[in-house]
Amino acid sequence: MLIIKIHLYIFFRSQPSPPPPPPPPPICFLIRASPRSTTGPPPLAVIRP
């Protein structure tokens, strides 16, 4: 039983890891996509990290 567990452990470790989530878009892109960026300051939620 222990050997089977080791084989399963090695098998799952050798599997490719799931791809990481895509990075969030840059802040400048969010500000540019904001409809209020041309008429006034961008929303605070966009500037906050």
Protein backbone atom coordinates (compact mmCIF):
# COMPACT_ATOMS: atom_id res chain seq x y z
CA MET A 1 0.00 0.00 0.00
CA LEU A 2 2.82 2.39 0.78
CA ILE A 3 4.40 1.74 -2.62
CA ILE A 4 1.12 2.57 -4.36
CA LYS A 5 0.92 5.84 -2.44
CA ILE A 6 4.46 6.74 -3.45
CA HIS A 7 3.71 5.94 -7.09
CA LEU A 8 0.56 8.06 -7.00
CA TYR A 9 2.49 10.87 -5.34
CA ILE A 10 5.19 10.80 -8.00
CA PHE A 11 2.55 10.54 -10.74
CA PHE A 12 0.64 13.58 -9.53
CA ARG A 13 3.84 15.53 -8.93
CA SER A 14 4.91 14.89 -12.52
CA GLN A 15 1.66 16.24 -13.92
CA PRO A 16 1.89 19.77 -15.32
CA SER A 17 0.60 22.29 -12.85
CA PRO A 18 -2.52 24.24 -13.85
CA PRO A 19 -1.70 27.54 -15.55
CA PRO A 20 -1.59 30.51 -13.20
CA PRO A 21 -4.45 33.00 -13.44
CA PRO A 22 -3.79 35.79 -15.94
CA PRO A 23 -2.31 38.92 -14.36
CA PRO A 24 -4.69 41.83 -13.86
CA PRO A 25 -4.63 44.45 -16.61
CA PRO A 26 -2.39 47.45 -15.98
CA ILE A 27 -3.88 50.39 -14.13
CA CYS A 28 -3.37 52.71 -17.12
CA PHE A 29 -5.54 50.37 -19.20
CA LEU A 30 -8.31 50.52 -16.58
CA ILE A 31 -8.09 54.32 -16.47
CA ARG A 32 -8.18 54.50 -20.26
CA ALA A 33 -11.17 52.13 -20.35
CA SER A 34 -13.01 54.20 -17.75
CA PRO A 35 -15.68 56.38 -19.39
CA ARG A 36 -15.04 59.20 -16.89
CA SER A 37 -11.30 59.38 -17.57
CA THR A 38 -11.77 62.02 -20.28
CA THR A 39 -14.17 64.29 -18.38
CA GLY A 40 -12.60 64.19 -14.93
CA PRO A 41 -10.40 62.28 -12.52
CA PRO A 42 -10.69 58.49 -12.73
CA PRO A 43 -12.70 56.64 -10.07
CA LEU A 44 -10.89 55.98 -6.80
CA ALA A 45 -11.46 52.25 -7.17
CA VAL A 46 -9.28 52.28 -10.30
CA ILE A 47 -6.38 54.15 -8.72
CA ARG A 48 -6.32 52.03 -5.55
CA PRO A 49 -3.94 49.06 -5.82
